Every structure is written in C-alpha cells, then in structure tokens.
Amino acid sequence: MAIHHRKLSTHRNGEYRWPLSSALTISVVPERSPVPLRTSVSSVRLRAVDLAIRQGAGRPLPVGYMFDFQGLPPTLESLSRRVGERYPTVPSLRFRVSGNGTAAHSVGEVSLAAHVHELDLSEGHDASEIGRQMLARPLPAAPHPSWDVWLIRRGGGLYTLCYRADHALQDGVAAAYIARKLLADHPQGGPRAYRPALPALRGVGGLIKEIIPRRRPSANVGAFNILPSGDHRLEHMDFSLIQLRALARMFGGTVNDVYLGSLAYAIRQWHGVLTGANLPPLPIKMPMSTRKKGEEYRLLNAVVAAPILLPCDESSASAAVNEVIEQTMRLRLSRRRDAARLLVSNIPPKMGARAVARQSSTVGAWLSHMDFGPRLVHQGKPAVRAALFTDLAEKVLLYTAMTSYEETARLTIVYDMALPTAHEIGDHWLEVLNNLSESFSVCAER
C-alpha cells in the first residue's frame, strides 16, 4: 500500500483529520475528557491499548510494584485497616473487566478479605520466589475488582509489600499513584505528569506508517527465535542511581538513554555467551506515559509505545548509548508521544488493538523505565527498594523495567523459561555500567 503524506488538516471544532488513504480518514479531538472518577459511572468501554493488553495476554495481566522493607513487618490486620481506609478514595478500584473483555464495570462493594493477603516465605526460599509467586498467583476473580495487596514475610529482618492490578485497567504510572495512596503514611508525590503538546507532522507521518498493515522485519532472531514455554520468572539487580545520573551527564543524554544503551550491550554479551553468535539490532517497544496532572487515578491506560531498535550490534557500550541517544532525540523532536496520544485515544478500539498486535508481533522485548518519586513510608518504615513489574503477554519472551527510587536504580527482569539464562542479562548490565563508570573516571583523571 502506498502512503501519501497529506497535510494534517484542522477543522473549526478543533478536530484533526489524518487521511490514511482515499477510503479511510481518522479524525481526532485534541482534548477528550478522561474517564470520570465519579462513583456513579457503572461501565466504561475499553480503549485500544486496554483491549490490546487484554487480548495479548488472554487473561488479567498483573502490573504493580514491590516495595522492600527492613525490620519487623506490620500485622495483616493493620495493613488491611490502612487499605480499607484508603481504597474508597480511589473509585477506579471498584472496577473489573467484563466477561466479554471489551468493557469495565463497577462491582459495588469491596471485600477486603479478597484483596489483602499475606505470604510467608521466611524459610527455604530465595528472593526470586517472591517474583514467581506474584506472577503466578491470579488476581481476585469475579465478582471482585481485579487488584490486591500482599504482605510477604521474608525472614532475616526483611519483608515486602506488593500491590498488583489488572494491566487492562491501569498503567504503571496509575499503579504507582494508587500503591502510594493505599500504602503510604503520607501519599503525596509520584511520577512526573505528562505535559501535552500539539503533534508534529513528522511524528504523525511515522505513526501512520506503523499502523498500516505491511511486511515488517522479524524480531525472532538468534536466541529469540523460540516458542515461549509459559513458565515465567522474575529477578532484580540494583545499581547506584547517582552513578547512573553521572553517566547520563557524561554522555549528554538521559538516565533512560544510559539504561537502554547499557542494556543493549548487556543483551549482546549475554547472547554471545549463549549462542556464540552476534545479535542484530533488536526491535523493542518502550511505553511512554500520557497521564496528565489531575488524572493520577484515572481508570484505563494512558500510555503509548515508542519503537526503538536496541543497538545490540554495536561494538562498545559507549557506542550503544550514543545510538540510543540519537533515536530518543528523534522521537522527542518528532513529538511522537503527542501524535500517538491523539490517535490512540480516538481510534476505534478493535482497529487499534489489531494495530498494536501487528506491531507487537515484531518486537523482541518490552522495556520500561519508571521514576517512582519520593520515598514511600508505611507505618513509619521507609521502603528501601521499589520495583515496577508486569507479567509477559503471550509470545513475549522478555520484559525489563528499571525503577528509579531514592538512590537506587533497580532493574527487574521478567523472562520466559524458554530463555532459562536470561536472568544473566542483569549481571552483564551491572558489569557494563561499572565498566562505563570506571572508563569515565579514568578519563576524568587524565
């Protein structure tokens, strides 16, 4: 199909029109009212991204946060009391996806017994068991809303609080605000709000090329050319956020750029050890939030995906970071996020979900980065680590999320056991960042 780039037209009602072909034009309105938070709303239709998440997983896909604490854990009763006091202030916590998977409906009363649980992993379990349990355990079934809070006793003076929700109804930013609302002594602060802008024509053109069906390069290359097993694992790796910010300044990029570039080189190293072969650039998707100020607890996803070719073929970590910086700069200049926001919020849900599915079929991995904001304190104790996570959708082998929290950047790796050594990517990532830090230190001393 030939793509004719026509001028973006504006009509008197403020509507934008994108002519995709002689037969198809998508009209979008820049500011559509968000899903209200009034408790009188009983049913909400899923939009394109929400529908794509539900259809891509074939089940409620959990998204949430794990918070690690030191000291004696709270009692389940005190945790339930806190959650019981707070959840009524977040009307979106009364919703679950309907049986046909196309809408969300309010279920009325919430039973805390279905939503607040404890798990004792204090003996005979390592830290990875927490992740396995939080991925494997189902969210509350009908008629309950699909979210829960877990108190996980780990022994050795450690415990974890975990908040999970159905990803079809919440994105990572909303989950951060809701977790803070349910758990924190003082639930102020959170991830930075998105500031909308008018889309650039370059961003619109690039987006139109992506949503039109066409032959795309396969991401099933090297070790990724394998069928998923459905058995998933989760691991964490920690690095100094202070050092990561210093590296970003040295490169003239962002923390996110250094995260992606160093991860690209780490995947290259892991793949070389595993197969003895080089890995070409790996197509990945990275979610970008479109959640504005005042929409912190809004129902449904406010997110679009940025396409990035992870430069796993670069011969050095520095070259990989610089290549990522060039790609993310092009995305910012084209205002890709703004163009995608307008399209995703207006495109017919089924059509949008099909477009997302086509793009996802050529993606090797999904990568996220979240700056959680100020520290979370629960019953007087500050969380020492925070980690965003979600489970893998069907046909996806790898997901990573880096959570910036206080002075720590925590890398969370969720992988399918078809790639049983994928957790080693985290070890390579730490090695890459340490080597970059050392090389810049040597240069500074000369």
Protein backbone atom coordinates (compact mmCIF):
# COMPACT_ATOMS: atom_id res chain seq x y z
CA MET A 1 0.00 0.00 0.00
CA ALA A 2 1.41 3.39 -0.96
CA ILE A 3 1.36 6.05 1.75
CA HIS A 4 0.51 9.55 0.54
CA HIS A 5 1.61 12.15 3.07
CA ARG A 6 -1.16 14.71 3.09
CA LYS A 7 -1.29 17.83 5.15
CA LEU A 8 -2.76 17.48 8.65
CA SER A 9 -5.99 19.47 8.49
CA THR A 10 -7.70 21.27 11.35
CA HIS A 11 -11.44 21.88 11.45
CA ARG A 12 -13.39 24.57 13.25
CA ASN A 13 -14.27 22.31 16.18
CA GLY A 14 -10.57 21.80 16.92
CA GLU A 15 -10.60 18.34 15.35
CA TYR A 16 -7.57 16.98 13.50
CA ARG A 17 -8.06 14.74 10.48
CA TRP A 18 -5.44 12.29 9.23
CA PRO A 19 -6.21 10.88 5.76
CA LEU A 20 -4.71 7.39 5.76
CA SER A 21 -5.96 6.64 2.26
CA SER A 22 -8.65 7.71 -0.17
CA ALA A 23 -11.07 5.49 1.74
CA LEU A 24 -10.01 5.99 5.34
CA THR A 25 -9.57 9.12 7.41
CA ILE A 26 -9.04 9.15 11.17
CA SER A 27 -10.44 12.18 12.97
CA VAL A 28 -9.14 13.05 16.42
CA VAL A 29 -10.02 15.66 19.02
CA PRO A 30 -7.01 17.07 20.93
CA GLU A 31 -8.59 17.07 24.38
CA ARG A 32 -11.10 14.34 25.09
CA SER A 33 -12.44 14.15 28.64
CA PRO A 34 -10.80 11.42 30.70
CA VAL A 35 -12.81 8.61 32.19
CA PRO A 36 -14.54 10.31 35.15
CA LEU A 37 -13.80 9.21 38.69
CA ARG A 38 -17.41 9.58 39.80
CA THR A 39 -18.73 6.52 41.58
CA SER A 40 -21.97 6.91 39.56
CA VAL A 41 -20.18 5.61 36.46
CA SER A 42 -21.02 1.90 36.25
CA SER A 43 -19.48 0.86 32.94
CA VAL A 44 -16.58 2.08 30.79
CA ARG A 45 -15.62 0.83 27.36
CA LEU A 46 -12.02 -0.35 26.99
CA ARG A 47 -9.96 1.65 24.52
CA ALA A 48 -7.40 0.44 22.00
CA VAL A 49 -4.43 -0.01 24.37
CA ASP A 50 -6.55 -1.60 27.12
CA LEU A 51 -8.13 -4.02 24.66
CA ALA A 52 -4.74 -4.89 23.17
CA ILE A 53 -3.34 -5.71 26.62
CA ARG A 54 -6.28 -7.94 27.49
CA GLN A 55 -6.29 -9.72 24.12
CA GLY A 56 -2.49 -10.05 24.03
CA ALA A 57 -2.42 -11.79 27.39
CA GLY A 58 -5.64 -13.76 27.12
CA ARG A 59 -6.12 -13.24 30.87
CA PRO A 60 -5.85 -10.48 33.51
CA LEU A 61 -2.20 -9.41 33.24
CA PRO A 62 -0.84 -8.14 36.58
CA VAL A 63 1.03 -4.85 36.79
CA GLY A 64 2.25 -3.37 40.04
CA TYR A 65 5.05 -2.61 42.46
CA MET A 66 7.10 -4.47 45.02
CA PHE A 67 8.46 -2.49 47.98
CA ASP A 68 11.22 -3.97 50.13
CA PHE A 69 11.44 -3.02 53.83
CA GLN A 70 13.79 -3.76 56.72
CA GLY A 71 12.66 -4.53 60.25
CA LEU A 72 9.61 -6.19 61.75
CA PRO A 73 6.71 -6.42 59.30
CA PRO A 74 3.31 -4.91 60.10
CA THR A 75 0.41 -7.15 61.03
CA LEU A 76 -2.03 -8.22 58.36
CA GLU A 77 -4.77 -6.51 60.40
CA SER A 78 -3.00 -3.14 60.38
CA LEU A 79 -2.32 -3.42 56.64
CA SER A 80 -5.97 -4.30 55.95
CA ARG A 81 -7.08 -1.36 58.08
CA ARG A 82 -4.89 1.04 56.06
CA VAL A 83 -6.12 -0.32 52.74
CA GLY A 84 -9.73 -0.25 53.97
CA GLU A 85 -9.41 3.42 54.88
CA ARG A 86 -7.84 4.40 51.57
CA TYR A 87 -9.45 2.41 48.74
CA PRO A 88 -12.81 4.27 48.89
CA THR A 89 -10.95 7.44 47.82
CA VAL A 90 -9.98 5.76 44.51
CA PRO A 91 -13.20 4.95 42.60
CA SER A 92 -11.29 3.13 39.84
CA LEU A 93 -10.53 0.37 42.37
CA ARG A 94 -14.19 -0.71 42.16
CA PHE A 95 -13.89 -1.83 38.52
CA ARG A 96 -13.07 -5.09 36.78
CA VAL A 97 -13.09 -6.12 33.11
CA SER A 98 -16.42 -7.58 32.00
CA GLY A 99 -16.83 -11.16 30.86
CA ASN A 100 -16.56 -10.36 27.15
CA GLY A 101 -13.34 -8.40 27.74
CA THR A 102 -14.44 -5.19 25.99
CA ALA A 103 -15.59 -3.04 28.91
CA ALA A 104 -15.01 -2.46 32.62
CA HIS A 105 -17.85 -2.32 35.08
CA SER A 106 -18.20 -1.30 38.69
CA VAL A 107 -18.83 -4.15 41.10
CA GLY A 108 -20.09 -2.13 44.05
CA GLU A 109 -18.85 -3.21 47.46
CA VAL A 110 -15.26 -4.33 48.03
CA SER A 111 -14.44 -7.21 50.38
CA LEU A 112 -11.01 -6.66 51.92
CA ALA A 113 -10.65 -10.39 52.54
CA ALA A 114 -10.45 -10.86 48.76
CA HIS A 115 -7.86 -8.11 48.30
CA VAL A 116 -5.39 -8.09 51.22
CA HIS A 117 -3.29 -11.21 51.78
CA GLU A 118 -0.11 -12.43 53.42
CA LEU A 119 2.50 -14.91 52.27
CA ASP A 120 5.21 -16.48 54.41
CA LEU A 121 8.46 -17.06 52.51
CA SER A 122 10.69 -16.75 55.56
CA GLU A 123 12.20 -20.24 55.34
CA GLY A 124 13.74 -22.18 52.48
CA HIS A 125 13.07 -19.59 49.74
CA ASP A 126 15.30 -17.12 47.92
CA ALA A 127 14.27 -13.66 46.74
CA SER A 128 13.28 -14.94 43.29
CA GLU A 129 10.40 -16.90 44.83
CA ILE A 130 8.61 -13.63 45.58
CA GLY A 131 8.60 -12.72 41.91
CA ARG A 132 7.47 -16.18 40.84
CA GLN A 133 4.57 -16.09 43.28
CA MET A 134 3.44 -12.58 42.30
CA LEU A 135 3.49 -13.52 38.61
CA ALA A 136 1.76 -16.88 39.05
CA ARG A 137 -0.97 -16.09 41.56
CA PRO A 138 -4.20 -14.96 39.88
CA LEU A 139 -5.79 -11.61 40.64
CA PRO A 140 -9.10 -11.70 42.54
CA ALA A 141 -11.79 -13.43 40.50
CA ALA A 142 -15.30 -12.16 39.75
CA PRO A 143 -17.23 -10.57 41.26
CA HIS A 144 -14.34 -8.78 42.96
CA PRO A 145 -12.36 -5.89 41.42
CA SER A 146 -9.06 -7.11 39.98
CA TRP A 147 -6.41 -5.76 42.37
CA ASP A 148 -4.75 -6.93 45.57
CA VAL A 149 -2.12 -6.09 48.20
CA TRP A 150 0.31 -8.64 49.63
CA LEU A 151 2.35 -8.71 52.82
CA ILE A 152 5.26 -11.07 52.13
CA ARG A 153 7.32 -12.18 55.13
CA ARG A 154 10.88 -12.98 54.09
CA GLY A 155 12.75 -13.54 57.35
CA GLY A 156 16.15 -12.10 58.21
CA GLY A 157 14.63 -8.77 59.11
CA LEU A 158 13.14 -8.24 55.63
CA TYR A 159 9.64 -8.07 54.23
CA THR A 160 7.93 -6.91 51.02
CA LEU A 161 4.66 -5.16 50.31
CA CYS A 162 3.27 -5.74 46.84
CA TYR A 163 0.43 -4.02 45.00
CA ARG A 164 -0.97 -5.65 41.84
CA ALA A 165 -3.76 -4.71 39.44
CA ASP A 166 -5.15 -5.69 36.04
CA HIS A 167 -2.97 -4.02 33.39
CA ALA A 168 -6.00 -3.61 31.13
CA LEU A 169 -7.32 -1.07 33.68
CA GLN A 170 -4.12 0.55 34.96
CA ASP A 171 -0.73 1.51 33.57
CA GLY A 172 2.49 1.78 35.55
CA VAL A 173 2.01 5.44 36.43
CA ALA A 174 -1.52 4.94 37.74
CA ALA A 175 -0.33 1.87 39.67
CA ALA A 176 2.42 3.99 41.28
CA TYR A 177 -0.08 6.59 42.48
CA ILE A 178 -2.58 4.00 43.68
CA ALA A 179 0.07 1.95 45.50
CA ARG A 180 1.18 5.14 47.24
CA LYS A 181 -2.42 6.04 48.09
CA LEU A 182 -3.13 2.60 49.58
CA LEU A 183 0.12 2.10 51.49
CA ALA A 184 1.96 5.34 52.25
CA ASP A 185 1.64 7.21 55.54
CA HIS A 186 1.61 10.44 53.53
CA PRO A 187 0.61 9.63 49.94
CA GLN A 188 1.88 12.81 48.28
CA GLY A 189 4.09 12.81 45.19
CA GLY A 190 4.59 10.33 42.41
CA PRO A 191 5.83 10.05 38.82
CA ARG A 192 6.06 13.22 36.78
CA ALA A 193 2.90 14.22 34.91
CA TYR A 194 2.81 14.34 31.13
CA ARG A 195 2.54 17.79 29.52
CA PRO A 196 0.67 17.53 26.21
CA ALA A 197 1.71 19.41 23.09
CA LEU A 198 0.48 19.56 19.52
CA PRO A 199 1.91 16.76 17.38
CA ALA A 200 4.50 17.46 14.70
CA LEU A 201 3.78 16.34 11.14
CA ARG A 202 6.92 14.17 11.19
CA GLY A 203 5.58 12.30 14.20
CA VAL A 204 2.18 11.86 12.55
CA GLY A 205 3.75 10.52 9.35
CA GLY A 206 5.87 7.99 11.21
CA LEU A 207 2.86 6.82 13.19
CA ILE A 208 0.72 6.35 10.08
CA LYS A 209 3.40 4.15 8.54
CA GLU A 210 3.31 1.92 11.62
CA ILE A 211 -0.44 1.38 11.86
CA ILE A 212 -0.93 0.47 8.19
CA PRO A 213 -0.53 -3.29 7.67
CA ARG A 214 2.73 -4.11 5.89
CA ARG A 215 5.56 -6.60 5.98
CA ARG A 216 7.91 -5.91 8.90
CA PRO A 217 11.29 -7.33 9.88
CA SER A 218 11.05 -10.20 12.33
CA ALA A 219 12.33 -9.90 15.88
CA ASN A 220 12.64 -13.70 16.08
CA VAL A 221 16.42 -13.69 15.65
CA GLY A 222 19.16 -15.62 17.41
CA ALA A 223 18.13 -16.83 20.85
CA PHE A 224 14.77 -15.07 20.50
CA ASN A 225 13.73 -17.42 17.68
CA ILE A 226 12.00 -19.81 20.05
CA LEU A 227 8.47 -20.51 21.26
CA PRO A 228 7.58 -19.36 24.81
CA SER A 229 7.07 -22.02 27.45
CA GLY A 230 4.56 -20.02 29.52
CA ASP A 231 6.69 -20.50 32.65
CA HIS A 232 7.88 -17.10 33.83
CA ARG A 233 10.49 -15.86 36.30
CA LEU A 234 11.39 -12.50 37.83
CA GLU A 235 14.78 -11.24 39.07
CA HIS A 236 16.13 -7.91 40.40
CA MET A 237 19.50 -6.18 40.03
CA ASP A 238 20.47 -2.91 41.75
CA PHE A 239 22.80 -0.13 40.61
CA SER A 240 23.58 3.31 42.03
CA LEU A 241 21.17 5.90 40.64
CA ILE A 242 23.74 8.58 41.48
CA GLN A 243 26.28 6.87 39.22
CA LEU A 244 23.66 6.39 36.51
CA ARG A 245 22.86 10.11 36.55
CA ALA A 246 26.56 10.93 36.37
CA LEU A 247 26.90 8.70 33.30
CA ALA A 248 23.90 10.42 31.70
CA ARG A 249 25.61 13.81 32.17
CA MET A 250 28.85 12.47 30.69
CA PHE A 251 27.04 11.20 27.58
CA GLY A 252 24.85 14.28 27.27
CA GLY A 253 21.73 12.13 27.45
CA THR A 254 19.18 10.97 29.99
CA VAL A 255 19.14 8.23 32.60
CA ASN A 256 16.75 6.39 30.30
CA ASP A 257 19.26 6.60 27.42
CA VAL A 258 22.03 5.09 29.54
CA TYR A 259 19.66 2.38 30.78
CA LEU A 260 18.69 1.36 27.24
CA GLY A 261 22.18 1.62 25.77
CA SER A 262 23.85 -0.35 28.55
CA LEU A 263 21.08 -2.95 28.41
CA ALA A 264 21.57 -3.31 24.64
CA TYR A 265 25.23 -4.10 25.16
CA ALA A 266 24.40 -6.43 28.06
CA ILE A 267 22.00 -8.37 25.83
CA ARG A 268 24.73 -8.54 23.17
CA GLN A 269 27.15 -10.04 25.70
CA TRP A 270 24.58 -12.49 27.08
CA HIS A 271 23.61 -13.58 23.58
CA GLY A 272 27.25 -14.08 22.59
CA VAL A 273 27.88 -16.32 25.60
CA LEU A 274 24.67 -18.28 24.93
CA THR A 275 24.96 -18.80 21.18
CA GLY A 276 28.45 -17.73 20.15
CA ALA A 277 26.83 -15.50 17.52
CA ASN A 278 26.24 -11.77 17.15
CA LEU A 279 22.75 -10.34 17.60
CA PRO A 280 21.42 -7.75 15.13
CA PRO A 281 19.55 -4.65 16.38
CA LEU A 282 16.58 -5.85 18.42
CA PRO A 283 13.19 -4.15 17.84
CA ILE A 284 11.67 -3.25 21.20
CA LYS A 285 8.77 -1.15 22.45
CA MET A 286 9.01 1.27 25.35
CA PRO A 287 5.84 2.64 26.99
CA MET A 288 5.54 6.43 27.30
CA SER A 289 3.00 7.91 29.71
CA THR A 290 0.35 10.35 28.55
CA ARG A 291 -1.19 10.72 32.02
CA LYS A 292 -1.68 14.41 32.76
CA LYS A 293 -1.84 16.25 36.06
CA GLY A 294 -5.21 15.62 37.70
CA GLU A 295 -5.53 12.17 36.08
CA GLU A 296 -3.37 10.28 38.58
CA TYR A 297 -6.06 7.73 39.50
CA ARG A 298 -7.94 7.71 36.20
CA LEU A 299 -9.28 4.35 35.04
CA LEU A 300 -7.73 2.72 31.95
CA ASN A 301 -4.29 3.10 30.40
CA ALA A 302 -2.84 6.46 29.44
CA VAL A 303 0.21 5.22 27.60
CA VAL A 304 1.63 4.90 24.10
CA ALA A 305 4.61 2.88 22.87
CA ALA A 306 7.82 4.19 21.35
CA PRO A 307 9.57 1.95 18.80
CA ILE A 308 13.32 1.63 19.37
CA LEU A 309 15.92 -0.52 17.65
CA LEU A 310 18.03 -1.66 20.56
CA PRO A 311 21.60 -1.43 19.20
CA CYS A 312 22.77 -4.89 20.25
CA ASP A 313 25.14 -4.92 17.27
CA GLU A 314 27.35 -2.06 18.48
CA SER A 315 30.95 -2.99 19.28
CA SER A 316 31.08 -0.99 22.53
CA ALA A 317 28.74 0.06 25.30
CA SER A 318 29.54 3.74 24.64
CA ALA A 319 28.54 3.38 21.00
CA ALA A 320 25.30 1.68 22.04
CA VAL A 321 24.41 4.51 24.43
CA ASN A 322 25.18 7.13 21.78
CA GLU A 323 22.99 5.33 19.24
CA VAL A 324 20.10 5.24 21.73
CA ILE A 325 20.55 8.97 22.40
CA GLU A 326 20.17 9.66 18.67
CA GLN A 327 17.00 7.56 18.46
CA THR A 328 15.32 9.09 21.51
CA MET A 329 16.23 12.59 20.31
CA ARG A 330 14.46 11.91 17.01
CA LEU A 331 11.41 10.69 18.92
CA ARG A 332 11.33 13.86 21.02
CA LEU A 333 11.79 16.21 18.05
CA SER A 334 9.01 14.46 16.11
CA ARG A 335 6.73 14.69 19.19
CA ARG A 336 5.85 11.07 18.60
CA ARG A 337 4.22 10.77 22.02
CA ASP A 338 1.76 13.59 21.28
CA ALA A 339 0.80 12.18 17.89
CA ALA A 340 0.31 8.70 19.30
CA ARG A 341 -1.76 10.04 22.22
CA LEU A 342 -4.26 11.66 19.88
CA LEU A 343 -4.54 8.61 17.68
CA VAL A 344 -4.79 6.01 20.45
CA SER A 345 -7.45 7.94 22.37
CA ASN A 346 -9.67 8.27 19.27
CA ILE A 347 -9.10 5.23 17.08
CA PRO A 348 -11.86 2.56 17.22
CA PRO A 349 -10.77 0.11 19.95
CA LYS A 350 -10.83 -3.06 17.84
CA MET A 351 -8.96 -1.41 14.99
CA GLY A 352 -6.38 0.00 17.42
CA ALA A 353 -5.96 -3.34 19.19
CA ARG A 354 -5.25 -5.04 15.85
CA ALA A 355 -2.63 -2.40 15.02
CA VAL A 356 -0.94 -2.90 18.40
CA ALA A 357 -0.99 -6.68 17.90
CA ARG A 358 0.68 -6.33 14.49
CA GLN A 359 3.43 -4.16 15.97
CA SER A 360 3.90 -6.44 18.98
CA SER A 361 4.42 -9.45 16.71
CA THR A 362 7.69 -7.92 15.50
CA VAL A 363 9.01 -6.87 18.92
CA GLY A 364 11.79 -8.79 20.63
CA ALA A 365 11.13 -7.38 24.10
CA TRP A 366 9.24 -4.73 26.07
CA LEU A 367 11.29 -2.31 28.19
CA SER A 368 10.07 0.22 30.78
CA HIS A 369 11.55 2.91 32.99
CA MET A 370 9.75 4.50 35.94
CA ASP A 371 10.85 7.25 38.30
CA PHE A 372 8.68 6.40 41.30
CA GLY A 373 9.12 9.76 43.02
CA PRO A 374 9.58 10.42 46.77
CA ARG A 375 10.20 7.54 49.15
CA LEU A 376 7.25 5.51 50.35
CA VAL A 377 6.89 5.22 54.13
CA HIS A 378 4.49 2.64 55.56
CA GLN A 379 3.68 2.68 59.27
CA GLY A 380 6.82 4.70 59.96
CA LYS A 381 9.22 2.50 57.96
CA PRO A 382 10.64 3.68 54.62
CA ALA A 383 10.80 1.27 51.72
CA VAL A 384 14.45 0.71 50.81
CA ARG A 385 13.74 -0.54 47.25
CA ALA A 386 10.86 -0.20 44.80
CA ALA A 387 10.29 -2.17 41.60
CA LEU A 388 7.75 -1.85 38.79
CA PHE A 389 6.81 -5.19 37.23
CA THR A 390 4.32 -6.84 34.94
CA ASP A 391 3.94 -10.33 33.58
CA LEU A 392 4.66 -11.39 30.00
CA ALA A 393 1.94 -11.34 27.38
CA GLU A 394 1.60 -14.28 25.01
CA LYS A 395 4.54 -14.72 22.59
CA VAL A 396 6.71 -12.29 24.60
CA LEU A 397 9.96 -13.74 25.96
CA LEU A 398 11.49 -10.80 27.82
CA TYR A 399 10.43 -7.70 29.73
CA THR A 400 12.67 -5.38 31.73
CA ALA A 401 11.78 -2.40 33.89
CA MET A 402 14.17 -0.01 35.61
CA THR A 403 12.68 1.74 38.64
CA SER A 404 14.41 4.86 39.92
CA TYR A 405 13.81 5.15 43.65
CA GLU A 406 15.80 7.21 46.15
CA GLU A 407 19.47 6.43 45.36
CA THR A 408 18.87 3.07 43.65
CA ALA A 409 18.09 2.04 40.08
CA ARG A 410 16.50 -1.41 40.28
CA LEU A 411 16.41 -3.47 37.11
CA THR A 412 13.59 -6.02 37.08
CA ILE A 413 13.86 -8.80 34.50
CA VAL A 414 10.81 -10.91 33.69
CA TYR A 415 11.63 -13.74 31.32
CA ASP A 416 10.18 -16.92 29.89
CA MET A 417 11.96 -20.13 30.86
CA ALA A 418 12.42 -20.83 27.16
CA LEU A 419 15.37 -18.47 27.80
CA PRO A 420 16.49 -20.07 31.08
CA THR A 421 19.66 -17.95 31.40
CA ALA A 422 18.01 -14.60 30.67
CA HIS A 423 18.46 -13.55 34.31
CA GLU A 424 22.18 -13.28 33.49
CA ILE A 425 21.38 -10.20 31.42
CA GLY A 426 21.20 -8.38 34.75
CA ASP A 427 24.73 -9.45 35.68
CA HIS A 428 26.03 -8.26 32.30
CA TRP A 429 24.13 -4.96 32.77
CA LEU A 430 25.86 -4.30 36.09
CA GLU A 431 29.22 -5.15 34.53
CA VAL A 432 28.59 -2.78 31.60
CA LEU A 433 27.63 0.11 33.90
CA ASN A 434 30.60 -0.47 36.21
CA ASN A 435 32.98 -0.52 33.22
CA LEU A 436 31.46 2.68 31.84
CA SER A 437 31.80 4.36 35.23
CA GLU A 438 35.43 3.26 35.51
CA SER A 439 36.30 4.42 31.98
CA PHE A 440 34.85 7.86 32.59
CA SER A 441 36.70 8.06 35.92
CA VAL A 442 39.98 7.26 34.16
CA CYS A 443 39.28 9.90 31.50
CA ALA A 444 38.49 12.48 34.20
CA GLU A 445 41.80 11.79 35.95
CA ARG A 446 43.88 12.34 32.80
